Amino acid sequence: MNKKEVITIKWTDSNQYNHQTTPEIEKYDIARFITTGFLVKETDDYCVVARECLNGGDVRGVIVIPKVNIY
């Protein structure tokens, strides 16, 4: 089995508001996430995290998180 490290990342992303609103009273904010999973790959620019790691080393549920979004 190809073992991978389990990590937790706190990160932000853009947010979208689809409802009709009054800009003067709306509180706009960025989206905040906490992702826990298997670290598949890390570069200077991003981390690749998988939700599932199978016995053969394959992964499923992959998300790529830019390092500029990590806090």
PDB file of N, CA and C in Angstrom:
ATOM      1  N   MET A   1       0.842  -1.190   0.000  1.00  0.00           N
ATOM      2  CA  MET A   1       0.000   0.000   0.000  1.00  0.00           C
ATOM      3  C   MET A   1       0.880   1.243   0.000  1.00  0.00           C
ATOM      4  N   ASN A   2       0.524   2.209  -0.829  1.00  0.00           N
ATOM      5  CA  ASN A   2       1.259   3.463  -0.928  1.00  0.00           C
ATOM      6  C   ASN A   2       0.697   4.442   0.101  1.00  0.00           C
ATOM      7  N   LYS A   3       1.389   4.604   1.244  1.00  0.00           N
ATOM      8  CA  LYS A   3       0.861   5.448   2.322  1.00  0.00           C
ATOM      9  C   LYS A   3       1.082   6.919   2.017  1.00  0.00           C
ATOM     10  N   LYS A   4       0.058   7.708   2.301  1.00  0.00           N
ATOM     11  CA  LYS A   4       0.133   9.152   2.111  1.00  0.00           C
ATOM     12  C   LYS A   4      -0.200   9.839   3.433  1.00  0.00           C
ATOM     13  N   GLU A   5       0.399  10.983   3.649  1.00  0.00           N
ATOM     14  CA  GLU A   5       0.171  11.767   4.864  1.00  0.00           C
ATOM     15  C   GLU A   5      -1.236  12.364   4.848  1.00  0.00           C
ATOM     16  N   VAL A   6      -1.901  12.334   5.998  1.00  0.00           N
ATOM     17  CA  VAL A   6      -3.198  12.990   6.146  1.00  0.00           C
ATOM     18  C   VAL A   6      -2.940  14.398   6.678  1.00  0.00           C
ATOM     19  N   ILE A   7      -3.511  15.402   5.996  1.00  0.00           N
ATOM     20  CA  ILE A   7      -3.295  16.792   6.387  1.00  0.00           C
ATOM     21  C   ILE A   7      -4.634  17.530   6.488  1.00  0.00           C
ATOM     22  N   THR A   8      -4.612  18.641   7.170  1.00  0.00           N
ATOM     23  CA  THR A   8      -5.750  19.564   7.232  1.00  0.00           C
ATOM     24  C   THR A   8      -5.268  20.925   6.758  1.00  0.00           C
ATOM     25  N   ILE A   9      -6.015  21.523   5.835  1.00  0.00           N
ATOM     26  CA  ILE A   9      -5.662  22.833   5.272  1.00  0.00           C
ATOM     27  C   ILE A   9      -6.825  23.784   5.490  1.00  0.00           C
ATOM     28  N   LYS A  10      -6.536  24.969   6.016  1.00  0.00           N
ATOM     29  CA  LYS A  10      -7.520  26.054   6.094  1.00  0.00           C
ATOM     30  C   LYS A  10      -7.229  26.990   4.927  1.00  0.00           C
ATOM     31  N   TRP A  11      -8.267  27.264   4.127  1.00  0.00           N
ATOM     32  CA  TRP A  11      -8.036  28.074   2.940  1.00  0.00           C
ATOM     33  C   TRP A  11      -9.262  28.900   2.575  1.00  0.00           C
ATOM     34  N   THR A  12      -9.059  29.892   1.735  1.00  0.00           N
ATOM     35  CA  THR A  12     -10.127  30.798   1.310  1.00  0.00           C
ATOM     36  C   THR A  12     -10.299  30.716  -0.202  1.00  0.00           C
ATOM     37  N   ASP A  13     -11.469  31.181  -0.637  1.00  0.00           N
ATOM     38  CA  ASP A  13     -11.750  31.224  -2.072  1.00  0.00           C
ATOM     39  C   ASP A  13     -12.724  32.370  -2.324  1.00  0.00           C
ATOM     40  N   SER A  14     -12.952  32.646  -3.576  1.00  0.00           N
ATOM     41  CA  SER A  14     -13.936  33.671  -3.913  1.00  0.00           C
ATOM     42  C   SER A  14     -15.324  33.187  -3.521  1.00  0.00           C
ATOM     43  N   ASN A  15     -16.239  34.111  -3.386  1.00  0.00           N
ATOM     44  CA  ASN A  15     -17.610  33.790  -3.013  1.00  0.00           C
ATOM     45  C   ASN A  15     -18.532  34.443  -4.030  1.00  0.00           C
ATOM     46  N   GLN A  16     -19.676  33.832  -4.270  1.00  0.00           N
ATOM     47  CA  GLN A  16     -20.620  34.355  -5.243  1.00  0.00           C
ATOM     48  C   GLN A  16     -21.985  34.502  -4.587  1.00  0.00           C
ATOM     49  N   TYR A  17     -22.626  35.616  -4.862  1.00  0.00           N
ATOM     50  CA  TYR A  17     -23.957  35.884  -4.323  1.00  0.00           C
ATOM     51  C   TYR A  17     -24.928  35.994  -5.497  1.00  0.00           C
ATOM     52  N   ASN A  18     -25.911  35.103  -5.541  1.00  0.00           N
ATOM     53  CA  ASN A  18     -26.843  35.071  -6.671  1.00  0.00           C
ATOM     54  C   ASN A  18     -28.184  35.725  -6.379  1.00  0.00           C
ATOM     55  N   HIS A  19     -28.415  36.101  -5.149  1.00  0.00           N
ATOM     56  CA  HIS A  19     -29.714  36.671  -4.809  1.00  0.00           C
ATOM     57  C   HIS A  19     -29.715  38.187  -5.011  1.00  0.00           C
ATOM     58  N   GLN A  20     -30.879  38.743  -5.185  1.00  0.00           N
ATOM     59  CA  GLN A  20     -31.017  40.183  -5.297  1.00  0.00           C
ATOM     60  C   GLN A  20     -30.762  40.787  -3.928  1.00  0.00           C
ATOM     61  N   THR A  21     -30.003  41.874  -3.904  1.00  0.00           N
ATOM     62  CA  THR A  21     -29.619  42.456  -2.623  1.00  0.00           C
ATOM     63  C   THR A  21     -29.403  43.952  -2.745  1.00  0.00           C
ATOM     64  N   THR A  22     -29.321  44.597  -1.629  1.00  0.00           N
ATOM     65  CA  THR A  22     -28.964  46.016  -1.570  1.00  0.00           C
ATOM     66  C   THR A  22     -27.516  46.104  -1.111  1.00  0.00           C
ATOM     67  N   PRO A  23     -26.617  46.562  -1.958  1.00  0.00           N
ATOM     68  CA  PRO A  23     -25.189  46.552  -1.628  1.00  0.00           C
ATOM     69  C   PRO A  23     -24.838  47.287  -0.328  1.00  0.00           C
ATOM     70  N   GLU A  24     -25.619  48.296   0.026  1.00  0.00           N
ATOM     71  CA  GLU A  24     -25.312  49.062   1.229  1.00  0.00           C
ATOM     72  C   GLU A  24     -25.518  48.259   2.513  1.00  0.00           C
ATOM     73  N   ILE A  25     -26.396  47.253   2.480  1.00  0.00           N
ATOM     74  CA  ILE A  25     -26.672  46.496   3.705  1.00  0.00           C
ATOM     75  C   ILE A  25     -26.139  45.065   3.668  1.00  0.00           C
ATOM     76  N   GLU A  26     -25.732  44.591   2.507  1.00  0.00           N
ATOM     77  CA  GLU A  26     -25.214  43.225   2.387  1.00  0.00           C
ATOM     78  C   GLU A  26     -23.809  43.148   2.979  1.00  0.00           C
ATOM     79  N   LYS A  27     -23.550  42.110   3.753  1.00  0.00           N
ATOM     80  CA  LYS A  27     -22.208  41.867   4.261  1.00  0.00           C
ATOM     81  C   LYS A  27     -21.545  40.852   3.329  1.00  0.00           C
ATOM     82  N   TYR A  28     -20.613  41.305   2.531  1.00  0.00           N
ATOM     83  CA  TYR A  28     -19.909  40.424   1.601  1.00  0.00           C
ATOM     84  C   TYR A  28     -18.682  39.843   2.286  1.00  0.00           C
ATOM     85  N   ASP A  29     -18.402  38.594   2.014  1.00  0.00           N
ATOM     86  CA  ASP A  29     -17.251  37.949   2.622  1.00  0.00           C
ATOM     87  C   ASP A  29     -16.711  36.894   1.662  1.00  0.00           C
ATOM     88  N   ILE A  30     -15.464  36.529   1.849  1.00  0.00           N
ATOM     89  CA  ILE A  30     -14.886  35.439   1.074  1.00  0.00           C
ATOM     90  C   ILE A  30     -15.326  34.111   1.685  1.00  0.00           C
ATOM     91  N   ALA A  31     -15.226  33.050   0.920  1.00  0.00           N
ATOM     92  CA  ALA A  31     -15.565  31.713   1.420  1.00  0.00           C
ATOM     93  C   ALA A  31     -14.361  31.144   2.161  1.00  0.00           C
ATOM     94  N   ARG A  32     -14.613  30.510   3.294  1.00  0.00           N
ATOM     95  CA  ARG A  32     -13.550  29.883   4.088  1.00  0.00           C
ATOM     96  C   ARG A  32     -13.829  28.391   4.183  1.00  0.00           C
ATOM     97  N   PHE A  33     -12.776  27.595   4.009  1.00  0.00           N
ATOM     98  CA  PHE A  33     -12.899  26.145   4.008  1.00  0.00           C
ATOM     99  C   PHE A  33     -11.854  25.509   4.913  1.00  0.00           C
ATOM    100  N   ILE A  34     -12.175  24.333   5.414  1.00  0.00           N
ATOM    101  CA  ILE A  34     -11.207  23.466   6.086  1.00  0.00           C
ATOM    102  C   ILE A  34     -11.295  22.128   5.370  1.00  0.00           C
ATOM    103  N   THR A  35     -10.185  21.707   4.783  1.00  0.00           N
ATOM    104  CA  THR A  35     -10.141  20.465   4.026  1.00  0.00           C
ATOM    105  C   THR A  35      -9.161  19.508   4.680  1.00  0.00           C
ATOM    106  N   THR A  36      -9.607  18.280   4.928  1.00  0.00           N
ATOM    107  CA  THR A  36      -8.745  17.223   5.467  1.00  0.00           C
ATOM    108  C   THR A  36      -8.728  16.080   4.460  1.00  0.00           C
ATOM    109  N   GLY A  37      -7.544  15.593   4.167  1.00  0.00           N
ATOM    110  CA  GLY A  37      -7.427  14.486   3.226  1.00  0.00           C
ATOM    111  C   GLY A  37      -5.995  14.030   3.095  1.00  0.00           C
ATOM    112  N   PHE A  38      -5.768  13.191   2.107  1.00  0.00           N
ATOM    113  CA  PHE A  38      -4.443  12.644   1.853  1.00  0.00           C
ATOM    114  C   PHE A  38      -3.654  13.592   0.963  1.00  0.00           C
ATOM    115  N   LEU A  39      -2.438  13.949   1.386  1.00  0.00           N
ATOM    116  CA  LEU A  39      -1.582  14.809   0.573  1.00  0.00           C
ATOM    117  C   LEU A  39      -1.025  13.987  -0.582  1.00  0.00           C
ATOM    118  N   VAL A  40      -1.430  14.334  -1.792  1.00  0.00           N
ATOM    119  CA  VAL A  40      -1.014  13.613  -2.996  1.00  0.00           C
ATOM    120  C   VAL A  40       0.249  14.221  -3.575  1.00  0.00           C
ATOM    121  N   LYS A  41       0.298  15.565  -3.596  1.00  0.00           N
ATOM    122  CA  LYS A  41       1.433  16.271  -4.199  1.00  0.00           C
ATOM    123  C   LYS A  41       1.489  17.672  -3.627  1.00  0.00           C
ATOM    124  N   GLU A  42       2.693  18.195  -3.488  1.00  0.00           N
ATOM    125  CA  GLU A  42       2.869  19.582  -3.053  1.00  0.00           C
ATOM    126  C   GLU A  42       3.959  20.221  -3.894  1.00  0.00           C
ATOM    127  N   THR A  43       3.666  21.415  -4.410  1.00  0.00           N
ATOM    128  CA  THR A  43       4.647  22.199  -5.159  1.00  0.00           C
ATOM    129  C   THR A  43       4.798  23.554  -4.471  1.00  0.00           C
ATOM    130  N   ASP A  44       5.581  24.428  -5.039  1.00  0.00           N
ATOM    131  CA  ASP A  44       5.706  25.783  -4.503  1.00  0.00           C
ATOM    132  C   ASP A  44       4.409  26.558  -4.641  1.00  0.00           C
ATOM    133  N   ASP A  45       3.543  26.156  -5.589  1.00  0.00           N
ATOM    134  CA  ASP A  45       2.338  26.912  -5.905  1.00  0.00           C
ATOM    135  C   ASP A  45       1.035  26.317  -5.370  1.00  0.00           C
ATOM    136  N   TYR A  46       0.980  25.000  -5.139  1.00  0.00           N
ATOM    137  CA  TYR A  46      -0.286  24.386  -4.758  1.00  0.00           C
ATOM    138  C   TYR A  46      -0.084  23.069  -4.001  1.00  0.00           C
ATOM    139  N   CYS A  47      -1.163  22.622  -3.342  1.00  0.00           N
ATOM    140  CA  CYS A  47      -1.240  21.308  -2.703  1.00  0.00           C
ATOM    141  C   CYS A  47      -2.359  20.523  -3.373  1.00  0.00           C
ATOM    142  N   VAL A  48      -2.117  19.247  -3.595  1.00  0.00           N
ATOM    143  CA  VAL A  48      -3.135  18.349  -4.139  1.00  0.00           C
ATOM    144  C   VAL A  48      -3.545  17.419  -3.004  1.00  0.00           C
ATOM    145  N   VAL A  49      -4.841  17.430  -2.670  1.00  0.00           N
ATOM    146  CA  VAL A  49      -5.375  16.647  -1.559  1.00  0.00           C
ATOM    147  C   VAL A  49      -6.477  15.737  -2.096  1.00  0.00           C
ATOM    148  N   ALA A  50      -6.480  14.486  -1.629  1.00  0.00           N
ATOM    149  CA  ALA A  50      -7.486  13.523  -2.066  1.00  0.00           C
ATOM    150  C   ALA A  50      -8.365  13.104  -0.902  1.00  0.00           C
ATOM    151  N   ARG A  51      -9.641  12.921  -1.174  1.00  0.00           N
ATOM    152  CA  ARG A  51     -10.602  12.463  -0.174  1.00  0.00           C
ATOM    153  C   ARG A  51     -10.376  10.991   0.161  1.00  0.00           C
ATOM    154  N   GLU A  52     -10.022  10.190  -0.850  1.00  0.00           N
ATOM    155  CA  GLU A  52      -9.821   8.760  -0.657  1.00  0.00           C
ATOM    156  C   GLU A  52      -8.510   8.317  -1.292  1.00  0.00           C
ATOM    157  N   CYS A  53      -7.823   7.406  -0.611  1.00  0.00           N
ATOM    158  CA  CYS A  53      -6.605   6.797  -1.130  1.00  0.00           C
ATOM    159  C   CYS A  53      -6.824   5.287  -1.124  1.00  0.00           C
ATOM    160  N   LEU A  54      -6.811   4.674  -2.305  1.00  0.00           N
ATOM    161  CA  LEU A  54      -7.101   3.250  -2.439  1.00  0.00           C
ATOM    162  C   LEU A  54      -5.836   2.418  -2.201  1.00  0.00           C
ATOM    163  N   ASN A  55      -6.007   1.143  -1.942  1.00  0.00           N
ATOM    164  CA  ASN A  55      -4.886   0.259  -1.627  1.00  0.00           C
ATOM    165  C   ASN A  55      -3.796   0.252  -2.689  1.00  0.00           C
ATOM    166  N   GLY A  56      -4.175   0.363  -3.947  1.00  0.00           N
ATOM    167  CA  GLY A  56      -3.189   0.352  -5.018  1.00  0.00           C
ATOM    168  C   GLY A  56      -2.467   1.673  -5.213  1.00  0.00           C
ATOM    169  N   GLY A  57      -2.823   2.680  -4.432  1.00  0.00           N
ATOM    170  CA  GLY A  57      -2.197   3.986  -4.561  1.00  0.00           C
ATOM    171  C   GLY A  57      -3.010   4.984  -5.363  1.00  0.00           C
ATOM    172  N   ASP A  58      -4.074   4.518  -6.023  1.00  0.00           N
ATOM    173  CA  ASP A  58      -4.942   5.443  -6.750  1.00  0.00           C
ATOM    174  C   ASP A  58      -5.701   6.317  -5.754  1.00  0.00           C
ATOM    175  N   VAL A  59      -6.150   7.474  -6.210  1.00  0.00           N
ATOM    176  CA  VAL A  59      -6.871   8.408  -5.346  1.00  0.00           C
ATOM    177  C   VAL A  59      -8.180   8.822  -5.999  1.00  0.00           C
ATOM    178  N   ARG A  60      -9.124   9.290  -5.164  1.00  0.00           N
ATOM    179  CA  ARG A  60     -10.418   9.805  -5.649  1.00  0.00           C
ATOM    180  C   ARG A  60     -10.757  11.063  -4.852  1.00  0.00           C
ATOM    181  N   GLY A  61     -11.595  11.900  -5.455  1.00  0.00           N
ATOM    182  CA  GLY A  61     -12.040  13.116  -4.780  1.00  0.00           C
ATOM    183  C   GLY A  61     -10.900  14.095  -4.591  1.00  0.00           C
ATOM    184  N   VAL A  62     -10.224  14.438  -5.669  1.00  0.00           N
ATOM    185  CA  VAL A  62      -9.023  15.276  -5.615  1.00  0.00           C
ATOM    186  C   VAL A  62      -9.382  16.761  -5.696  1.00  0.00           C
ATOM    187  N   ILE A  63      -8.718  17.557  -4.884  1.00  0.00           N
ATOM    188  CA  ILE A  63      -8.858  19.016  -4.937  1.00  0.00           C
ATOM    189  C   ILE A  63      -7.462  19.633  -4.965  1.00  0.00           C
ATOM    190  N   VAL A  64      -7.304  20.665  -5.796  1.00  0.00           N
ATOM    191  CA  VAL A  64      -6.040  21.384  -5.900  1.00  0.00           C
ATOM    192  C   VAL A  64      -6.234  22.741  -5.228  1.00  0.00           C
ATOM    193  N   ILE A  65      -5.435  23.023  -4.209  1.00  0.00           N
ATOM    194  CA  ILE A  65      -5.581  24.257  -3.432  1.00  0.00           C
ATOM    195  C   ILE A  65      -4.354  25.132  -3.661  1.00  0.00           C
ATOM    196  N   PRO A  66      -4.541  26.318  -4.248  1.00  0.00           N
ATOM    197  CA  PRO A  66      -3.409  27.232  -4.433  1.00  0.00           C
ATOM    198  C   PRO A  66      -2.849  27.669  -3.068  1.00  0.00           C
ATOM    199  N   LYS A  67      -1.539  27.714  -2.953  1.00  0.00           N
ATOM    200  CA  LYS A  67      -0.925  28.091  -1.674  1.00  0.00           C
ATOM    201  C   LYS A  67      -1.225  29.538  -1.295  1.00  0.00           C
ATOM    202  N   VAL A  68      -1.491  30.397  -2.269  1.00  0.00           N
ATOM    203  CA  VAL A  68      -1.831  31.785  -1.948  1.00  0.00           C
ATOM    204  C   VAL A  68      -3.174  31.868  -1.220  1.00  0.00           C
ATOM    205  N   ASN A  69      -3.987  30.812  -1.300  1.00  0.00           N
ATOM    206  CA  ASN A  69      -5.295  30.789  -0.637  1.00  0.00           C
ATOM    207  C   ASN A  69      -5.225  30.187   0.765  1.00  0.00           C
ATOM    208  N   ILE A  70      -4.104  29.619   1.159  1.00  0.00           N
ATOM    209  CA  ILE A  70      -3.977  28.967   2.465  1.00  0.00           C
ATOM    210  C   ILE A  70      -3.652  30.015   3.526  1.00  0.00           C
ATOM    211  N   TYR A  71      -4.373  29.891   4.665  1.00  0.00           N
ATOM    212  CA  TYR A  71      -4.075  30.804   5.782  1.00  0.00           C
ATOM    213  C   TYR A  71      -3.777  30.048   7.036  1.00  0.00           C
TER     214      TYR A  71
END
